N, C-alpha and C. Protein backbone atom coordinates (compact mmCIF):
# COMPACT_ATOMS: atom_id res chain seq x y z
N MET A 1 95.78 103.13 41.20
CA MET A 1 94.93 102.19 40.47
C MET A 1 95.75 101.47 39.40
N SER A 2 95.35 100.24 39.10
CA SER A 2 96.05 99.50 38.06
C SER A 2 95.66 100.03 36.70
N ARG A 3 96.53 99.82 35.72
CA ARG A 3 96.24 100.28 34.38
C ARG A 3 95.18 99.41 33.72
N THR A 4 94.37 100.01 32.86
CA THR A 4 93.38 99.26 32.11
C THR A 4 93.46 99.67 30.64
N ASN A 5 92.92 98.82 29.79
CA ASN A 5 92.87 99.11 28.37
C ASN A 5 91.44 99.49 28.02
N PRO A 6 91.19 100.75 27.65
CA PRO A 6 89.81 101.18 27.35
C PRO A 6 89.23 100.49 26.13
N ASN A 7 90.09 99.84 25.32
CA ASN A 7 89.60 99.16 24.12
C ASN A 7 89.12 97.73 24.41
N ALA A 8 89.33 97.26 25.62
CA ALA A 8 88.95 95.88 25.97
C ALA A 8 87.54 95.86 26.55
N TRP A 9 86.62 95.21 25.84
CA TRP A 9 85.24 95.11 26.29
C TRP A 9 85.19 94.21 27.52
N HIS A 10 84.83 94.78 28.67
CA HIS A 10 84.75 94.05 29.94
C HIS A 10 86.02 93.27 30.24
N ASN A 11 87.14 93.78 29.76
CA ASN A 11 88.47 93.20 30.01
C ASN A 11 88.65 91.80 29.41
N TYR A 12 87.96 91.52 28.30
CA TYR A 12 88.16 90.27 27.57
C TYR A 12 89.27 90.45 26.54
N TYR A 13 90.07 89.40 26.37
CA TYR A 13 91.18 89.42 25.41
C TYR A 13 91.23 88.12 24.62
N HIS A 14 91.69 88.25 23.38
CA HIS A 14 92.00 87.09 22.55
C HIS A 14 93.51 86.96 22.51
N CYS A 15 94.01 85.91 23.12
CA CYS A 15 95.46 85.69 23.22
C CYS A 15 95.89 84.57 22.29
N VAL A 16 97.00 84.79 21.61
CA VAL A 16 97.54 83.82 20.66
C VAL A 16 99.03 83.66 20.92
N GLY A 17 99.49 82.42 20.94
CA GLY A 17 100.91 82.17 21.13
C GLY A 17 101.32 80.90 20.40
N SER A 18 102.61 80.72 20.26
CA SER A 18 103.13 79.56 19.54
C SER A 18 104.10 78.79 20.42
N THR A 19 104.44 77.59 19.98
CA THR A 19 105.43 76.80 20.69
C THR A 19 106.84 77.22 20.24
N TYR A 20 107.81 76.78 21.00
CA TYR A 20 109.21 77.16 20.74
C TYR A 20 109.61 76.85 19.30
N GLY A 21 110.18 77.85 18.64
CA GLY A 21 110.80 77.64 17.34
C GLY A 21 109.86 77.56 16.16
N THR A 22 108.54 77.76 16.38
CA THR A 22 107.61 77.57 15.27
C THR A 22 107.09 78.88 14.68
N TRP A 23 107.43 80.02 15.29
CA TRP A 23 107.06 81.31 14.72
C TRP A 23 108.17 82.30 15.04
N LEU A 24 109.08 82.43 14.10
CA LEU A 24 110.31 83.18 14.33
C LEU A 24 110.22 84.57 13.69
N ARG A 25 111.08 85.45 14.16
CA ARG A 25 111.20 86.76 13.50
C ARG A 25 111.63 86.56 12.06
N GLY A 26 110.94 87.23 11.14
CA GLY A 26 111.18 87.04 9.72
C GLY A 26 110.20 86.06 9.08
N ASP A 27 109.33 85.44 9.89
CA ASP A 27 108.40 84.44 9.38
C ASP A 27 107.50 85.03 8.29
N PRO A 28 107.25 84.29 7.20
CA PRO A 28 106.42 84.80 6.10
C PRO A 28 104.96 85.01 6.49
N ARG A 29 104.54 84.51 7.65
CA ARG A 29 103.17 84.76 8.11
C ARG A 29 103.05 86.09 8.83
N GLY A 30 104.15 86.83 8.93
CA GLY A 30 104.16 88.05 9.73
C GLY A 30 104.78 87.76 11.08
N PHE A 31 105.23 88.79 11.76
CA PHE A 31 105.92 88.59 13.03
C PHE A 31 106.05 89.91 13.76
N ARG A 32 106.46 89.82 15.00
CA ARG A 32 106.76 91.02 15.79
C ARG A 32 108.21 90.97 16.20
N THR A 33 108.86 92.10 16.14
CA THR A 33 110.24 92.16 16.54
C THR A 33 110.34 92.15 18.06
N GLN A 34 111.55 92.06 18.58
CA GLN A 34 111.76 91.94 20.02
C GLN A 34 111.08 93.08 20.78
N ARG A 35 110.36 92.72 21.84
CA ARG A 35 109.60 93.64 22.69
C ARG A 35 108.58 94.45 21.89
N HIS A 36 108.15 93.85 20.74
CA HIS A 36 107.07 94.43 19.93
C HIS A 36 107.41 95.84 19.42
N MET A 37 108.69 96.10 19.19
CA MET A 37 109.07 97.39 18.66
C MET A 37 108.51 97.60 17.25
N GLN A 38 108.33 96.51 16.51
CA GLN A 38 107.81 96.60 15.16
C GLN A 38 106.90 95.41 14.89
N HIS A 39 105.74 95.67 14.29
CA HIS A 39 104.80 94.61 13.94
C HIS A 39 104.77 94.52 12.42
N VAL A 40 105.23 93.39 11.88
CA VAL A 40 105.31 93.20 10.44
C VAL A 40 104.20 92.25 10.02
N ASP A 41 103.23 92.76 9.28
CA ASP A 41 102.10 91.94 8.86
C ASP A 41 102.48 91.07 7.67
N GLY A 42 101.74 89.96 7.54
CA GLY A 42 101.96 89.10 6.39
C GLY A 42 101.23 87.77 6.54
N ASP A 43 101.11 87.04 5.43
CA ASP A 43 100.62 85.68 5.44
C ASP A 43 101.21 85.01 4.20
N TYR A 44 100.80 83.75 3.93
CA TYR A 44 101.41 83.04 2.82
C TYR A 44 101.07 83.66 1.47
N LYS A 45 99.90 84.30 1.34
CA LYS A 45 99.53 84.94 0.08
C LYS A 45 100.21 86.29 -0.08
N GLN A 46 100.39 86.98 1.03
CA GLN A 46 101.04 88.29 1.00
C GLN A 46 102.12 88.34 2.08
N PRO A 47 103.25 87.68 1.84
CA PRO A 47 104.31 87.63 2.86
C PRO A 47 104.98 88.99 3.03
N PRO A 48 105.71 89.17 4.14
CA PRO A 48 106.45 90.41 4.33
C PRO A 48 107.49 90.60 3.23
N PRO A 49 108.02 91.79 3.09
CA PRO A 49 109.03 92.03 2.05
C PRO A 49 110.22 91.07 2.14
N ASP A 50 110.86 90.87 0.98
CA ASP A 50 111.99 89.93 0.90
C ASP A 50 113.13 90.29 1.84
N ILE A 51 113.19 91.53 2.29
CA ILE A 51 114.30 91.92 3.15
C ILE A 51 114.31 91.14 4.45
N TYR A 52 113.17 90.51 4.82
CA TYR A 52 113.10 89.77 6.08
C TYR A 52 113.47 88.30 5.92
N LYS A 53 113.64 87.82 4.69
CA LYS A 53 113.98 86.42 4.48
C LYS A 53 115.31 86.03 5.14
N PRO A 54 116.37 86.84 5.01
CA PRO A 54 117.61 86.48 5.69
C PRO A 54 117.45 86.40 7.21
N LEU A 55 116.62 87.27 7.78
CA LEU A 55 116.36 87.23 9.22
C LEU A 55 115.70 85.92 9.61
N PHE A 56 114.73 85.50 8.82
CA PHE A 56 114.02 84.24 9.08
C PHE A 56 114.98 83.05 9.00
N GLU A 57 115.78 83.00 7.94
CA GLU A 57 116.72 81.89 7.78
C GLU A 57 117.77 81.89 8.89
N TYR A 58 118.21 83.07 9.29
CA TYR A 58 119.19 83.17 10.38
C TYR A 58 118.62 82.62 11.67
N ASN A 59 117.38 82.99 11.98
CA ASN A 59 116.77 82.53 13.23
C ASN A 59 116.50 81.03 13.22
N LYS A 60 116.12 80.49 12.06
CA LYS A 60 115.94 79.04 11.97
C LYS A 60 117.25 78.31 12.20
N LYS A 61 118.31 78.83 11.59
CA LYS A 61 119.62 78.18 11.69
C LYS A 61 120.15 78.20 13.11
N ASN A 62 119.80 79.23 13.87
CA ASN A 62 120.39 79.41 15.18
C ASN A 62 119.51 78.92 16.33
N LEU A 63 118.45 78.17 16.02
CA LEU A 63 117.68 77.54 17.08
C LEU A 63 118.54 76.53 17.83
N LYS A 64 118.50 76.55 19.13
CA LYS A 64 119.30 75.61 19.92
C LYS A 64 118.66 74.23 19.97
N TYR A 65 117.34 74.18 19.76
CA TYR A 65 116.60 72.93 19.81
C TYR A 65 115.64 72.87 18.63
N PRO A 66 115.16 71.68 18.29
CA PRO A 66 114.17 71.58 17.22
C PRO A 66 112.88 72.30 17.61
N PRO A 67 112.14 72.81 16.64
CA PRO A 67 110.83 73.41 16.95
C PRO A 67 109.93 72.42 17.67
N VAL A 68 109.15 72.91 18.59
CA VAL A 68 108.29 72.05 19.41
C VAL A 68 106.95 71.83 18.72
N LYS A 69 106.63 70.57 18.46
CA LYS A 69 105.32 70.17 17.94
C LYS A 69 104.69 69.23 18.95
N LEU A 70 103.53 69.63 19.45
CA LEU A 70 102.91 68.95 20.58
C LEU A 70 102.15 67.71 20.17
N SER A 71 102.33 66.64 20.93
CA SER A 71 101.54 65.42 20.72
C SER A 71 100.15 65.62 21.29
N GLN A 72 99.27 64.67 21.04
CA GLN A 72 97.92 64.73 21.58
C GLN A 72 97.94 64.76 23.10
N ASP A 73 98.76 63.90 23.70
CA ASP A 73 98.84 63.88 25.16
C ASP A 73 99.36 65.21 25.71
N GLN A 74 100.37 65.76 25.08
CA GLN A 74 100.91 67.05 25.52
C GLN A 74 99.86 68.15 25.41
N GLN A 75 99.12 68.18 24.32
CA GLN A 75 98.09 69.20 24.14
C GLN A 75 97.05 69.13 25.25
N ARG A 76 96.64 67.92 25.60
CA ARG A 76 95.60 67.75 26.61
C ARG A 76 96.09 68.18 28.00
N ILE A 77 97.32 67.80 28.33
CA ILE A 77 97.89 68.19 29.62
C ILE A 77 98.00 69.71 29.71
N LEU A 78 98.50 70.33 28.66
CA LEU A 78 98.65 71.79 28.65
C LEU A 78 97.29 72.48 28.75
N CYS A 79 96.31 71.96 28.05
CA CYS A 79 94.97 72.55 28.06
C CYS A 79 94.40 72.54 29.48
N ARG A 80 94.46 71.41 30.14
CA ARG A 80 93.94 71.31 31.51
C ARG A 80 94.69 72.22 32.46
N ALA A 81 96.00 72.27 32.33
CA ALA A 81 96.81 73.05 33.26
C ALA A 81 96.59 74.55 33.09
N ILE A 82 96.48 75.02 31.86
CA ILE A 82 96.27 76.46 31.63
C ILE A 82 94.91 76.89 32.15
N VAL A 83 93.88 76.11 31.87
CA VAL A 83 92.54 76.46 32.37
C VAL A 83 92.55 76.51 33.89
N GLY A 84 93.15 75.51 34.53
CA GLY A 84 93.19 75.47 35.98
C GLY A 84 93.94 76.64 36.58
N SER A 85 95.07 77.01 35.98
CA SER A 85 95.87 78.12 36.49
C SER A 85 95.12 79.44 36.37
N LEU A 86 94.48 79.67 35.23
CA LEU A 86 93.71 80.91 35.05
C LEU A 86 92.57 81.01 36.06
N GLN A 87 91.90 79.90 36.28
CA GLN A 87 90.81 79.90 37.26
C GLN A 87 91.33 80.15 38.66
N ASP A 88 92.49 79.60 38.99
CA ASP A 88 93.10 79.83 40.30
C ASP A 88 93.43 81.30 40.50
N ASP A 89 93.74 82.01 39.41
CA ASP A 89 94.06 83.44 39.48
C ASP A 89 92.83 84.32 39.30
N ASN A 90 91.65 83.70 39.38
CA ASN A 90 90.39 84.43 39.27
C ASN A 90 90.17 85.07 37.91
N ALA A 91 90.84 84.55 36.90
CA ALA A 91 90.51 84.94 35.53
C ALA A 91 89.30 84.11 35.09
N LEU A 92 88.71 84.49 33.98
CA LEU A 92 87.55 83.77 33.46
C LEU A 92 87.86 83.29 32.04
N PRO A 93 88.46 82.09 31.92
CA PRO A 93 88.65 81.54 30.57
C PRO A 93 87.31 81.17 29.97
N VAL A 94 87.13 81.50 28.71
CA VAL A 94 85.89 81.17 28.00
C VAL A 94 86.11 79.99 27.07
N VAL A 95 87.19 80.04 26.31
CA VAL A 95 87.52 78.93 25.42
C VAL A 95 89.02 78.95 25.15
N LEU A 96 89.61 77.76 25.14
CA LEU A 96 91.04 77.59 24.91
C LEU A 96 91.25 76.46 23.93
N ALA A 97 92.12 76.66 22.95
CA ALA A 97 92.49 75.60 22.01
C ALA A 97 94.01 75.46 22.00
N ILE A 98 94.49 74.26 22.23
CA ILE A 98 95.93 73.96 22.14
C ILE A 98 96.13 73.07 20.92
N ALA A 99 96.78 73.58 19.91
CA ALA A 99 97.05 72.83 18.69
C ALA A 99 98.49 72.33 18.68
N VAL A 100 98.92 71.79 17.57
CA VAL A 100 100.25 71.19 17.46
C VAL A 100 101.35 72.20 17.75
N ASN A 101 101.18 73.42 17.27
CA ASN A 101 102.27 74.39 17.41
C ASN A 101 101.82 75.78 17.85
N HIS A 102 100.57 75.91 18.32
CA HIS A 102 100.12 77.22 18.78
C HIS A 102 98.88 77.07 19.65
N PHE A 103 98.47 78.16 20.27
CA PHE A 103 97.24 78.14 21.06
C PHE A 103 96.45 79.42 20.83
N HIS A 104 95.15 79.34 21.11
CA HIS A 104 94.25 80.49 21.13
C HIS A 104 93.49 80.46 22.45
N LEU A 105 93.33 81.62 23.05
CA LEU A 105 92.60 81.73 24.31
C LEU A 105 91.71 82.96 24.29
N LEU A 106 90.47 82.79 24.70
CA LEU A 106 89.58 83.90 24.97
C LEU A 106 89.31 83.90 26.46
N ALA A 107 89.63 85.00 27.13
CA ALA A 107 89.46 85.05 28.58
C ALA A 107 89.25 86.47 29.06
N ARG A 108 88.61 86.56 30.21
CA ARG A 108 88.50 87.83 30.92
C ARG A 108 89.49 87.79 32.07
N PHE A 109 90.33 88.81 32.15
CA PHE A 109 91.43 88.79 33.11
C PHE A 109 91.19 89.69 34.31
N THR A 110 91.62 89.20 35.46
CA THR A 110 91.60 89.98 36.68
C THR A 110 92.59 91.13 36.57
N GLN A 111 92.22 92.29 37.01
CA GLN A 111 93.14 93.42 37.01
C GLN A 111 94.25 93.21 38.05
N MET A 112 95.48 93.47 37.65
CA MET A 112 96.59 93.40 38.59
C MET A 112 96.51 94.57 39.57
N SER A 113 96.83 94.31 40.81
CA SER A 113 96.87 95.38 41.80
C SER A 113 98.11 96.23 41.57
N PRO A 114 98.11 97.49 42.03
CA PRO A 114 99.32 98.32 41.92
C PRO A 114 100.53 97.68 42.57
N GLU A 115 100.30 96.97 43.67
CA GLU A 115 101.41 96.31 44.37
C GLU A 115 102.01 95.20 43.51
N LEU A 116 101.14 94.45 42.83
CA LEU A 116 101.63 93.36 41.99
C LEU A 116 102.36 93.92 40.77
N ILE A 117 101.85 95.01 40.22
CA ILE A 117 102.53 95.65 39.10
C ILE A 117 103.91 96.13 39.51
N ALA A 118 104.00 96.75 40.69
CA ALA A 118 105.30 97.25 41.17
C ALA A 118 106.27 96.10 41.40
N LYS A 119 105.78 94.99 41.93
CA LYS A 119 106.63 93.83 42.23
C LYS A 119 107.23 93.23 40.96
N HIS A 120 106.45 93.22 39.89
CA HIS A 120 106.90 92.58 38.65
C HIS A 120 107.22 93.60 37.56
N LYS A 121 107.48 94.80 37.95
CA LYS A 121 107.68 95.89 36.99
C LYS A 121 108.75 95.57 35.96
N SER A 122 109.83 94.94 36.39
CA SER A 122 110.95 94.67 35.47
C SER A 122 110.57 93.66 34.38
N HIS A 123 109.50 92.90 34.58
CA HIS A 123 109.09 91.88 33.61
C HIS A 123 107.91 92.33 32.75
N LEU A 124 107.41 93.53 33.00
CA LEU A 124 106.25 94.02 32.26
C LEU A 124 106.68 95.03 31.20
N LEU A 125 105.93 95.10 30.12
CA LEU A 125 106.21 96.10 29.10
C LEU A 125 105.77 97.47 29.61
N ALA A 126 106.68 98.41 29.59
CA ALA A 126 106.40 99.72 30.19
C ALA A 126 105.24 100.44 29.53
N ASP A 127 105.06 100.24 28.21
CA ASP A 127 104.03 100.98 27.48
C ASP A 127 102.74 100.18 27.30
N GLU A 128 102.61 99.05 27.98
CA GLU A 128 101.43 98.23 27.82
C GLU A 128 100.28 98.80 28.65
N ARG A 129 99.14 99.01 28.01
CA ARG A 129 98.02 99.65 28.71
C ARG A 129 97.51 98.79 29.86
N ASP A 130 97.45 97.49 29.65
CA ASP A 130 96.97 96.59 30.69
C ASP A 130 97.88 95.36 30.71
N PRO A 131 98.75 95.24 31.71
CA PRO A 131 99.69 94.11 31.75
C PRO A 131 99.07 92.82 32.23
N SER A 132 97.83 92.85 32.74
CA SER A 132 97.27 91.67 33.37
C SER A 132 97.11 90.47 32.43
N PRO A 133 96.65 90.62 31.18
CA PRO A 133 96.51 89.41 30.33
C PRO A 133 97.83 88.67 30.14
N ARG A 134 98.87 89.40 29.78
CA ARG A 134 100.15 88.75 29.54
C ARG A 134 100.74 88.17 30.83
N PHE A 135 100.52 88.87 31.95
CA PHE A 135 101.06 88.41 33.23
C PHE A 135 100.41 87.10 33.66
N TYR A 136 99.09 87.07 33.70
CA TYR A 136 98.40 85.86 34.17
C TYR A 136 98.53 84.71 33.16
N LEU A 137 98.55 85.04 31.89
CA LEU A 137 98.78 84.00 30.89
C LEU A 137 100.20 83.45 31.03
N GLY A 138 101.16 84.33 31.35
CA GLY A 138 102.53 83.87 31.57
C GLY A 138 102.62 82.89 32.71
N ARG A 139 101.92 83.18 33.80
CA ARG A 139 101.91 82.25 34.93
C ARG A 139 101.27 80.92 34.53
N ALA A 140 100.19 80.99 33.74
CA ALA A 140 99.52 79.77 33.31
C ALA A 140 100.42 78.93 32.41
N ARG A 141 101.16 79.57 31.55
CA ARG A 141 102.06 78.82 30.66
C ARG A 141 103.17 78.15 31.46
N GLN A 142 103.65 78.82 32.51
CA GLN A 142 104.66 78.20 33.37
C GLN A 142 104.10 76.97 34.08
N VAL A 143 102.89 77.11 34.61
CA VAL A 143 102.24 75.98 35.28
C VAL A 143 102.07 74.81 34.30
N ALA A 144 101.68 75.13 33.08
CA ALA A 144 101.46 74.09 32.08
C ALA A 144 102.77 73.38 31.71
N SER A 145 103.84 74.14 31.57
CA SER A 145 105.14 73.54 31.28
C SER A 145 105.57 72.60 32.40
N PHE A 146 105.33 73.01 33.63
CA PHE A 146 105.66 72.17 34.78
C PHE A 146 104.83 70.90 34.78
N ALA A 147 103.57 71.01 34.37
CA ALA A 147 102.72 69.83 34.29
C ALA A 147 103.27 68.81 33.29
N LEU A 148 103.80 69.30 32.18
CA LEU A 148 104.43 68.39 31.22
C LEU A 148 105.66 67.72 31.82
N ALA A 149 106.46 68.50 32.54
CA ALA A 149 107.66 67.96 33.17
C ALA A 149 107.31 66.86 34.17
N GLN A 150 106.24 67.05 34.92
CA GLN A 150 105.83 66.05 35.89
C GLN A 150 105.45 64.74 35.23
N GLN A 151 104.99 64.81 33.99
CA GLN A 151 104.62 63.61 33.24
C GLN A 151 105.75 63.11 32.35
N ASN A 152 106.93 63.71 32.51
CA ASN A 152 108.09 63.37 31.68
C ASN A 152 107.80 63.57 30.19
N LEU A 153 107.01 64.60 29.89
CA LEU A 153 106.65 64.89 28.50
C LEU A 153 107.13 66.25 28.04
N LYS A 154 107.91 66.92 28.86
CA LYS A 154 108.41 68.24 28.46
C LYS A 154 109.57 68.08 27.49
N PRO A 155 109.59 68.84 26.40
CA PRO A 155 110.71 68.78 25.45
C PRO A 155 111.98 69.35 26.09
N PRO A 156 113.14 69.08 25.50
CA PRO A 156 114.39 69.61 26.08
C PRO A 156 114.48 71.12 26.03
N SER A 157 113.74 71.74 25.14
CA SER A 157 113.71 73.19 25.05
C SER A 157 112.58 73.73 25.91
N ALA A 158 112.41 75.05 25.89
CA ALA A 158 111.20 75.63 26.44
C ALA A 158 110.01 75.12 25.63
N VAL A 159 108.84 75.05 26.25
CA VAL A 159 107.65 74.64 25.52
C VAL A 159 107.17 75.75 24.60
N TRP A 160 107.21 76.99 25.12
CA TRP A 160 106.57 78.12 24.44
C TRP A 160 107.56 79.10 23.84
N ALA A 161 107.15 79.74 22.78
CA ALA A 161 107.87 80.91 22.30
C ALA A 161 107.59 82.07 23.26
N SER A 162 108.43 83.07 23.23
CA SER A 162 108.26 84.20 24.14
C SER A 162 107.14 85.12 23.69
N ARG A 163 106.52 85.77 24.66
CA ARG A 163 105.57 86.86 24.48
C ARG A 163 104.43 86.60 23.50
N PRO A 164 103.37 85.95 23.98
CA PRO A 164 102.19 85.80 23.14
C PRO A 164 101.51 87.15 22.89
N THR A 165 100.65 87.19 21.92
CA THR A 165 99.88 88.40 21.61
C THR A 165 98.55 88.36 22.35
N CYS A 166 98.18 89.46 23.00
CA CYS A 166 96.89 89.56 23.69
C CYS A 166 96.15 90.78 23.15
N LYS A 167 95.16 90.54 22.30
CA LYS A 167 94.43 91.64 21.67
C LYS A 167 93.08 91.84 22.37
N PRO A 168 92.72 93.09 22.67
CA PRO A 168 91.46 93.34 23.36
C PRO A 168 90.25 93.00 22.50
N VAL A 169 89.26 92.40 23.13
CA VAL A 169 87.98 92.15 22.47
C VAL A 169 87.17 93.44 22.52
N ARG A 170 86.60 93.84 21.39
CA ARG A 170 86.00 95.17 21.28
C ARG A 170 84.52 95.22 21.65
N SER A 171 83.82 94.09 21.55
CA SER A 171 82.37 94.12 21.74
C SER A 171 81.86 92.71 21.98
N ARG A 172 80.58 92.61 22.31
CA ARG A 172 79.96 91.29 22.49
C ARG A 172 80.00 90.51 21.19
N GLU A 173 79.77 91.17 20.08
CA GLU A 173 79.79 90.49 18.78
C GLU A 173 81.18 89.95 18.49
N HIS A 174 82.19 90.76 18.80
CA HIS A 174 83.57 90.32 18.61
C HIS A 174 83.87 89.13 19.50
N GLN A 175 83.42 89.18 20.74
CA GLN A 175 83.65 88.08 21.67
C GLN A 175 83.06 86.78 21.15
N LEU A 176 81.82 86.83 20.65
CA LEU A 176 81.17 85.63 20.13
C LEU A 176 81.90 85.07 18.91
N ALA A 177 82.36 85.97 18.05
CA ALA A 177 83.08 85.54 16.84
C ALA A 177 84.39 84.86 17.22
N VAL A 178 85.11 85.43 18.17
CA VAL A 178 86.37 84.83 18.61
C VAL A 178 86.12 83.48 19.25
N ALA A 179 85.09 83.39 20.08
CA ALA A 179 84.77 82.12 20.74
C ALA A 179 84.47 81.03 19.72
N ARG A 180 83.68 81.36 18.70
CA ARG A 180 83.35 80.37 17.66
C ARG A 180 84.61 79.94 16.92
N TYR A 181 85.46 80.90 16.60
CA TYR A 181 86.69 80.61 15.86
C TYR A 181 87.59 79.66 16.65
N ILE A 182 87.76 79.94 17.94
CA ILE A 182 88.65 79.11 18.75
C ILE A 182 88.07 77.72 18.94
N LYS A 183 86.78 77.65 19.26
CA LYS A 183 86.15 76.34 19.49
C LYS A 183 86.23 75.45 18.25
N ALA A 184 86.19 76.06 17.07
CA ALA A 184 86.23 75.29 15.83
C ALA A 184 87.55 74.55 15.64
N HIS A 185 88.58 74.91 16.40
CA HIS A 185 89.86 74.21 16.29
C HIS A 185 89.76 72.74 16.68
N VAL A 186 88.71 72.36 17.38
CA VAL A 186 88.54 70.95 17.74
C VAL A 186 88.42 70.10 16.48
N ARG A 187 87.88 70.67 15.40
CA ARG A 187 87.75 69.92 14.15
C ARG A 187 89.09 69.70 13.48
N GLU A 188 90.09 70.46 13.88
CA GLU A 188 91.44 70.31 13.33
C GLU A 188 92.30 69.43 14.22
N GLY A 189 91.71 68.86 15.27
CA GLY A 189 92.45 67.96 16.15
C GLY A 189 93.04 68.61 17.37
N ALA A 190 92.75 69.88 17.62
CA ALA A 190 93.29 70.56 18.80
C ALA A 190 92.57 70.10 20.05
N ALA A 191 93.26 70.21 21.19
CA ALA A 191 92.62 70.00 22.49
C ALA A 191 91.92 71.29 22.85
N VAL A 192 90.62 71.22 23.06
CA VAL A 192 89.81 72.43 23.28
C VAL A 192 89.06 72.31 24.60
N TRP A 193 89.01 73.43 25.32
CA TRP A 193 88.16 73.55 26.51
C TRP A 193 87.21 74.72 26.28
N HIS A 194 85.93 74.52 26.60
CA HIS A 194 84.93 75.57 26.45
C HIS A 194 84.17 75.70 27.76
N ILE A 195 83.87 76.93 28.14
CA ILE A 195 83.25 77.19 29.43
C ILE A 195 81.93 76.46 29.62
N ASN A 196 81.19 76.22 28.54
CA ASN A 196 79.89 75.54 28.64
C ASN A 196 79.99 74.04 28.40
N ASP A 197 81.01 73.61 27.67
CA ASP A 197 81.09 72.22 27.25
C ASP A 197 82.24 71.43 27.87
N GLY A 198 83.10 72.10 28.64
CA GLY A 198 84.24 71.41 29.24
C GLY A 198 85.29 71.08 28.21
N PHE A 199 85.99 69.96 28.44
CA PHE A 199 87.09 69.56 27.56
C PHE A 199 86.55 68.79 26.36
N LEU A 200 86.99 69.24 25.17
CA LEU A 200 86.56 68.64 23.92
C LEU A 200 87.79 68.07 23.23
N PHE A 201 88.00 66.78 23.41
CA PHE A 201 89.19 66.16 22.85
C PHE A 201 88.78 65.18 21.76
N GLU A 202 88.31 65.70 20.65
CA GLU A 202 87.92 64.86 19.53
C GLU A 202 89.13 64.52 18.68
N ARG A 203 89.15 63.31 18.18
CA ARG A 203 90.23 62.89 17.27
C ARG A 203 89.61 62.16 16.10
């Protein structure tokens, strides 16, 4: 049997990721070290300890390309492509917001079969309770990057930063709160898709 996360209500997850170069290790908003060995909390009011400042400056200095900030057209293309890819994989996206430098997704993910887990074992985190959210989201992000390339809108770097965060939704109340939070990004100019309202591209 495939692995599952007992903390995920009906296998719903809130996934968050950023574009290339916009959320680096050492970031004052908090960050995760490589392969999530360490999770360092923080925000602008309560940043991580000063010991991480040199790490942040080092990573900024050593970026091979400028940080990716998405235009309106890029956001819309990515939004459509990610929703379509997830649906093709029999996932159930509920709401997705693509902003200038990050995204939020609420979705219910199809469980990976044991055969699929074995096939992609080298790319999965060994200690991850349920690899399906990150796996199917990874495929969707690849499809979305390709969609940008087809429109000659892909940046010279990768579009996305590596390894988004996928946190399990704990309850119906949690699910509704996450959905409201993500949908509200339309007021900030993000490209938003909602399961009941379709694409919401307000400017």
